[in-house]
Amino acid sequence: MQQEKQKAMVNEMVAKLTSVCWDKCITSTPGSKFSSSESSCLSNCAQRSLDLSMIIMKRLQSMNSTH
């Protein structure tokens, strides 16, 4: 049951990440491939979001272990 909740949370995070980064980085109608600036923006956006998620998860784990 816990594993299913974690999967659902990961899926939700990926969907939100995709939406946020898409809206931020894709400024025109996409063609057959992304421009170099769009590709770079998407990569940086995703990396920042994943880094932030890891920081939050570590903070929550440390808070749980102290209580």
PDB file of N, CA and C in Angstrom:
ATOM      1  N   MET A   1       0.823  -1.206   0.000  1.00  0.00           N
ATOM      2  CA  MET A   1       0.000   0.000   0.000  1.00  0.00           C
ATOM      3  C   MET A   1       0.866   1.269   0.000  1.00  0.00           C
ATOM      4  N   GLN A   2       1.887   1.275   0.833  1.00  0.00           N
ATOM      5  CA  GLN A   2       2.789   2.429   0.896  1.00  0.00           C
ATOM      6  C   GLN A   2       3.501   2.630  -0.434  1.00  0.00           C
ATOM      7  N   GLN A   3       3.896   1.529  -1.073  1.00  0.00           N
ATOM      8  CA  GLN A   3       4.598   1.606  -2.348  1.00  0.00           C
ATOM      9  C   GLN A   3       3.688   2.200  -3.427  1.00  0.00           C
ATOM     10  N   GLU A   4       2.408   1.858  -3.394  1.00  0.00           N
ATOM     11  CA  GLU A   4       1.459   2.416  -4.362  1.00  0.00           C
ATOM     12  C   GLU A   4       1.293   3.919  -4.154  1.00  0.00           C
ATOM     13  N   LYS A   5       1.268   4.353  -2.907  1.00  0.00           N
ATOM     14  CA  LYS A   5       1.182   5.788  -2.614  1.00  0.00           C
ATOM     15  C   LYS A   5       2.409   6.519  -3.138  1.00  0.00           C
ATOM     16  N   GLN A   6       3.578   5.914  -2.952  1.00  0.00           N
ATOM     17  CA  GLN A   6       4.812   6.533  -3.429  1.00  0.00           C
ATOM     18  C   GLN A   6       4.820   6.623  -4.950  1.00  0.00           C
ATOM     19  N   LYS A   7       4.360   5.566  -5.624  1.00  0.00           N
ATOM     20  CA  LYS A   7       4.271   5.598  -7.086  1.00  0.00           C
ATOM     21  C   LYS A   7       3.343   6.708  -7.550  1.00  0.00           C
ATOM     22  N   ALA A   8       2.205   6.843  -6.885  1.00  0.00           N
ATOM     23  CA  ALA A   8       1.242   7.885  -7.240  1.00  0.00           C
ATOM     24  C   ALA A   8       1.850   9.268  -7.039  1.00  0.00           C
ATOM     25  N   MET A   9       2.599   9.445  -5.958  1.00  0.00           N
ATOM     26  CA  MET A   9       3.230  10.731  -5.693  1.00  0.00           C
ATOM     27  C   MET A   9       4.288  11.050  -6.755  1.00  0.00           C
ATOM     28  N   VAL A  10       5.065  10.053  -7.154  1.00  0.00           N
ATOM     29  CA  VAL A  10       6.084  10.258  -8.183  1.00  0.00           C
ATOM     30  C   VAL A  10       5.414  10.619  -9.506  1.00  0.00           C
ATOM     31  N   ASN A  11       4.362   9.894  -9.863  1.00  0.00           N
ATOM     32  CA  ASN A  11       3.644  10.187 -11.108  1.00  0.00           C
ATOM     33  C   ASN A  11       3.072  11.593 -11.103  1.00  0.00           C
ATOM     34  N   GLU A  12       2.527  12.006  -9.973  1.00  0.00           N
ATOM     35  CA  GLU A  12       1.971  13.351  -9.850  1.00  0.00           C
ATOM     36  C   GLU A  12       3.066  14.404  -9.970  1.00  0.00           C
ATOM     37  N   MET A  13       4.215  14.140  -9.363  1.00  0.00           N
ATOM     38  CA  MET A  13       5.327  15.076  -9.421  1.00  0.00           C
ATOM     39  C   MET A  13       5.845  15.216 -10.856  1.00  0.00           C
ATOM     40  N   VAL A  14       5.955  14.096 -11.567  1.00  0.00           N
ATOM     41  CA  VAL A  14       6.426  14.138 -12.948  1.00  0.00           C
ATOM     42  C   VAL A  14       5.449  14.921 -13.823  1.00  0.00           C
ATOM     43  N   ALA A  15       4.158  14.694 -13.625  1.00  0.00           N
ATOM     44  CA  ALA A  15       3.156  15.416 -14.411  1.00  0.00           C
ATOM     45  C   ALA A  15       3.220  16.916 -14.145  1.00  0.00           C
ATOM     46  N   LYS A  16       3.371  17.286 -12.883  1.00  0.00           N
ATOM     47  CA  LYS A  16       3.452  18.701 -12.537  1.00  0.00           C
ATOM     48  C   LYS A  16       4.734  19.326 -13.082  1.00  0.00           C
ATOM     49  N   LEU A  17       5.840  18.597 -12.948  1.00  0.00           N
ATOM     50  CA  LEU A  17       7.122  19.057 -13.464  1.00  0.00           C
ATOM     51  C   LEU A  17       7.035  19.281 -14.971  1.00  0.00           C
ATOM     52  N   THR A  18       6.445  18.337 -15.670  1.00  0.00           N
ATOM     53  CA  THR A  18       6.298  18.447 -17.126  1.00  0.00           C
ATOM     54  C   THR A  18       5.496  19.690 -17.487  1.00  0.00           C
ATOM     55  N   SER A  19       4.401  19.895 -16.797  1.00  0.00           N
ATOM     56  CA  SER A  19       3.528  21.033 -17.081  1.00  0.00           C
ATOM     57  C   SER A  19       4.235  22.360 -16.800  1.00  0.00           C
ATOM     58  N   VAL A  20       4.869  22.466 -15.646  1.00  0.00           N
ATOM     59  CA  VAL A  20       5.541  23.709 -15.259  1.00  0.00           C
ATOM     60  C   VAL A  20       6.681  24.027 -16.219  1.00  0.00           C
ATOM     61  N   CYS A  21       7.523  23.047 -16.485  1.00  0.00           N
ATOM     62  CA  CYS A  21       8.674  23.293 -17.359  1.00  0.00           C
ATOM     63  C   CYS A  21       8.227  23.552 -18.792  1.00  0.00           C
ATOM     64  N   TRP A  22       7.200  22.862 -19.252  1.00  0.00           N
ATOM     65  CA  TRP A  22       6.692  23.088 -20.605  1.00  0.00           C
ATOM     66  C   TRP A  22       6.215  24.522 -20.742  1.00  0.00           C
ATOM     67  N   ASP A  23       5.391  24.963 -19.789  1.00  0.00           N
ATOM     68  CA  ASP A  23       4.849  26.324 -19.844  1.00  0.00           C
ATOM     69  C   ASP A  23       5.957  27.372 -19.781  1.00  0.00           C
ATOM     70  N   LYS A  24       6.998  27.090 -19.020  1.00  0.00           N
ATOM     71  CA  LYS A  24       8.092  28.045 -18.863  1.00  0.00           C
ATOM     72  C   LYS A  24       9.000  28.087 -20.088  1.00  0.00           C
ATOM     73  N   CYS A  25       9.259  26.935 -20.692  1.00  0.00           N
ATOM     74  CA  CYS A  25      10.329  26.829 -21.691  1.00  0.00           C
ATOM     75  C   CYS A  25       9.855  26.825 -23.144  1.00  0.00           C
ATOM     76  N   ILE A  26       8.666  26.358 -23.402  1.00  0.00           N
ATOM     77  CA  ILE A  26       8.196  26.248 -24.777  1.00  0.00           C
ATOM     78  C   ILE A  26       7.351  27.477 -25.087  1.00  0.00           C
ATOM     79  N   THR A  27       7.952  28.395 -25.832  1.00  0.00           N
ATOM     80  CA  THR A  27       7.312  29.692 -26.051  1.00  0.00           C
ATOM     81  C   THR A  27       6.603  29.792 -27.392  1.00  0.00           C
ATOM     82  N   SER A  28       6.832  28.824 -28.255  1.00  0.00           N
ATOM     83  CA  SER A  28       6.168  28.843 -29.564  1.00  0.00           C
ATOM     84  C   SER A  28       5.587  27.457 -29.834  1.00  0.00           C
ATOM     85  N   THR A  29       4.898  27.326 -30.935  1.00  0.00           N
ATOM     86  CA  THR A  29       4.348  26.031 -31.297  1.00  0.00           C
ATOM     87  C   THR A  29       5.496  25.070 -31.586  1.00  0.00           C
ATOM     88  N   PRO A  30       5.539  23.937 -30.861  1.00  0.00           N
ATOM     89  CA  PRO A  30       6.665  23.023 -31.054  1.00  0.00           C
ATOM     90  C   PRO A  30       6.656  22.403 -32.452  1.00  0.00           C
ATOM     91  N   GLY A  31       7.846  22.255 -33.011  1.00  0.00           N
ATOM     92  CA  GLY A  31       7.991  21.601 -34.302  1.00  0.00           C
ATOM     93  C   GLY A  31       8.328  20.139 -34.087  1.00  0.00           C
ATOM     94  N   SER A  32       9.104  19.589 -34.998  1.00  0.00           N
ATOM     95  CA  SER A  32       9.463  18.175 -34.897  1.00  0.00           C
ATOM     96  C   SER A  32      10.506  17.936 -33.804  1.00  0.00           C
ATOM     97  N   LYS A  33      11.238  19.001 -33.428  1.00  0.00           N
ATOM     98  CA  LYS A  33      12.174  18.886 -32.308  1.00  0.00           C
ATOM     99  C   LYS A  33      12.313  20.246 -31.634  1.00  0.00           C
ATOM    100  N   PHE A  34      12.840  20.214 -30.402  1.00  0.00           N
ATOM    101  CA  PHE A  34      13.004  21.442 -29.629  1.00  0.00           C
ATOM    102  C   PHE A  34      14.201  22.225 -30.149  1.00  0.00           C
ATOM    103  N   SER A  35      14.132  23.555 -30.007  1.00  0.00           N
ATOM    104  CA  SER A  35      15.304  24.381 -30.302  1.00  0.00           C
ATOM    105  C   SER A  35      16.335  24.138 -29.197  1.00  0.00           C
ATOM    106  N   SER A  36      17.553  24.557 -29.434  1.00  0.00           N
ATOM    107  CA  SER A  36      18.590  24.349 -28.418  1.00  0.00           C
ATOM    108  C   SER A  36      18.273  25.096 -27.130  1.00  0.00           C
ATOM    109  N   SER A  37      17.701  26.291 -27.244  1.00  0.00           N
ATOM    110  CA  SER A  37      17.358  27.051 -26.031  1.00  0.00           C
ATOM    111  C   SER A  37      16.205  26.391 -25.286  1.00  0.00           C
ATOM    112  N   GLU A  38      15.227  25.859 -26.004  1.00  0.00           N
ATOM    113  CA  GLU A  38      14.114  25.154 -25.356  1.00  0.00           C
ATOM    114  C   GLU A  38      14.616  23.885 -24.662  1.00  0.00           C
ATOM    115  N   SER A  39      15.477  23.153 -25.352  1.00  0.00           N
ATOM    116  CA  SER A  39      16.023  21.924 -24.783  1.00  0.00           C
ATOM    117  C   SER A  39      16.824  22.209 -23.522  1.00  0.00           C
ATOM    118  N   SER A  40      17.649  23.237 -23.571  1.00  0.00           N
ATOM    119  CA  SER A  40      18.449  23.629 -22.415  1.00  0.00           C
ATOM    120  C   SER A  40      17.554  24.074 -21.257  1.00  0.00           C
ATOM    121  N   CYS A  41      16.551  24.867 -21.567  1.00  0.00           N
ATOM    122  CA  CYS A  41      15.618  25.349 -20.546  1.00  0.00           C
ATOM    123  C   CYS A  41      14.891  24.181 -19.881  1.00  0.00           C
ATOM    124  N   LEU A  42      14.402  23.236 -20.689  1.00  0.00           N
ATOM    125  CA  LEU A  42      13.690  22.076 -20.138  1.00  0.00           C
ATOM    126  C   LEU A  42      14.599  21.262 -19.223  1.00  0.00           C
ATOM    127  N   SER A  43      15.820  21.054 -19.660  1.00  0.00           N
ATOM    128  CA  SER A  43      16.774  20.285 -18.860  1.00  0.00           C
ATOM    129  C   SER A  43      17.074  20.981 -17.539  1.00  0.00           C
ATOM    130  N   ASN A  44      17.352  22.280 -17.591  1.00  0.00           N
ATOM    131  CA  ASN A  44      17.651  23.042 -16.370  1.00  0.00           C
ATOM    132  C   ASN A  44      16.451  23.096 -15.438  1.00  0.00           C
ATOM    133  N   CYS A  45      15.275  23.292 -15.997  1.00  0.00           N
ATOM    134  CA  CYS A  45      14.049  23.355 -15.193  1.00  0.00           C
ATOM    135  C   CYS A  45      13.822  22.029 -14.462  1.00  0.00           C
ATOM    136  N   ALA A  46      13.951  20.938 -15.197  1.00  0.00           N
ATOM    137  CA  ALA A  46      13.755  19.616 -14.598  1.00  0.00           C
ATOM    138  C   ALA A  46      14.789  19.356 -13.508  1.00  0.00           C
ATOM    139  N   GLN A  47      16.042  19.703 -13.768  1.00  0.00           N
ATOM    140  CA  GLN A  47      17.105  19.461 -12.790  1.00  0.00           C
ATOM    141  C   GLN A  47      16.871  20.264 -11.513  1.00  0.00           C
ATOM    142  N   ARG A  48      16.504  21.525 -11.661  1.00  0.00           N
ATOM    143  CA  ARG A  48      16.224  22.354 -10.475  1.00  0.00           C
ATOM    144  C   ARG A  48      15.066  21.778  -9.669  1.00  0.00           C
ATOM    145  N   SER A  49      14.037  21.336 -10.349  1.00  0.00           N
ATOM    146  CA  SER A  49      12.878  20.780  -9.659  1.00  0.00           C
ATOM    147  C   SER A  49      13.233  19.491  -8.930  1.00  0.00           C
ATOM    148  N   LEU A  50      14.015  18.638  -9.561  1.00  0.00           N
ATOM    149  CA  LEU A  50      14.433  17.393  -8.913  1.00  0.00           C
ATOM    150  C   LEU A  50      15.341  17.671  -7.724  1.00  0.00           C
ATOM    151  N   ASP A  51      16.253  18.625  -7.875  1.00  0.00           N
ATOM    152  CA  ASP A  51      17.125  19.000  -6.755  1.00  0.00           C
ATOM    153  C   ASP A  51      16.304  19.507  -5.574  1.00  0.00           C
ATOM    154  N   LEU A  52      15.327  20.336  -5.858  1.00  0.00           N
ATOM    155  CA  LEU A  52      14.474  20.868  -4.805  1.00  0.00           C
ATOM    156  C   LEU A  52      13.683  19.749  -4.125  1.00  0.00           C
ATOM    157  N   SER A  53      13.173  18.827  -4.906  1.00  0.00           N
ATOM    158  CA  SER A  53      12.427  17.696  -4.338  1.00  0.00           C
ATOM    159  C   SER A  53      13.312  16.873  -3.412  1.00  0.00           C
ATOM    160  N   MET A  54      14.564  16.655  -3.807  1.00  0.00           N
ATOM    161  CA  MET A  54      15.485  15.885  -2.965  1.00  0.00           C
ATOM    162  C   MET A  54      15.761  16.624  -1.656  1.00  0.00           C
ATOM    163  N   ILE A  55      15.944  17.925  -1.721  1.00  0.00           N
ATOM    164  CA  ILE A  55      16.177  18.714  -0.512  1.00  0.00           C
ATOM    165  C   ILE A  55      14.982  18.603   0.429  1.00  0.00           C
ATOM    166  N   ILE A  56      13.785  18.719  -0.125  1.00  0.00           N
ATOM    167  CA  ILE A  56      12.566  18.638   0.687  1.00  0.00           C
ATOM    168  C   ILE A  56      12.434  17.249   1.306  1.00  0.00           C
ATOM    169  N   MET A  57      12.681  16.207   0.510  1.00  0.00           N
ATOM    170  CA  MET A  57      12.563  14.844   1.035  1.00  0.00           C
ATOM    171  C   MET A  57      13.562  14.602   2.160  1.00  0.00           C
ATOM    172  N   LYS A  58      14.805  15.075   1.997  1.00  0.00           N
ATOM    173  CA  LYS A  58      15.810  14.900   3.041  1.00  0.00           C
ATOM    174  C   LYS A  58      15.423  15.653   4.305  1.00  0.00           C
ATOM    175  N   ARG A  59      14.886  16.850   4.124  1.00  0.00           N
ATOM    176  CA  ARG A  59      14.462  17.638   5.288  1.00  0.00           C
ATOM    177  C   ARG A  59      13.332  16.929   6.037  1.00  0.00           C
ATOM    178  N   LEU A  60      12.363  16.407   5.288  1.00  0.00           N
ATOM    179  CA  LEU A  60      11.252  15.692   5.919  1.00  0.00           C
ATOM    180  C   LEU A  60      11.739  14.436   6.635  1.00  0.00           C
ATOM    181  N   GLN A  61      12.677  13.716   6.017  1.00  0.00           N
ATOM    182  CA  GLN A  61      13.220  12.516   6.658  1.00  0.00           C
ATOM    183  C   GLN A  61      13.939  12.874   7.949  1.00  0.00           C
ATOM    184  N   SER A  62      14.702  13.943   7.934  1.00  0.00           N
ATOM    185  CA  SER A  62      15.421  14.329   9.150  1.00  0.00           C
ATOM    186  C   SER A  62      14.444  14.799  10.226  1.00  0.00           C
ATOM    187  N   MET A  63      13.369  15.444   9.832  1.00  0.00           N
ATOM    188  CA  MET A  63      12.359  15.868  10.801  1.00  0.00           C
ATOM    189  C   MET A  63      11.655  14.648  11.395  1.00  0.00           C
ATOM    190  N   ASN A  64      11.372  13.663  10.585  1.00  0.00           N
ATOM    191  CA  ASN A  64      10.713  12.441  11.065  1.00  0.00           C
ATOM    192  C   ASN A  64      11.622  11.645  11.986  1.00  0.00           C
ATOM    193  N   SER A  65      12.900  11.636  11.722  1.00  0.00           N
ATOM    194  CA  SER A  65      13.820  10.843  12.537  1.00  0.00           C
ATOM    195  C   SER A  65      14.079  11.503  13.901  1.00  0.00           C
ATOM    196  N   THR A  66      13.851  12.794  14.022  1.00  0.00           N
ATOM    197  CA  THR A  66      14.076  13.474  15.300  1.00  0.00           C
ATOM    198  C   THR A  66      12.850  13.423  16.194  1.00  0.00           C
ATOM    199  N   HIS A  67      11.714  13.045  15.646  1.00  0.00           N
ATOM    200  CA  HIS A  67      10.489  12.983  16.461  1.00  0.00           C
ATOM    201  C   HIS A  67      10.175  11.583  16.866  1.00  0.00           C
TER     202      HIS A  67
END
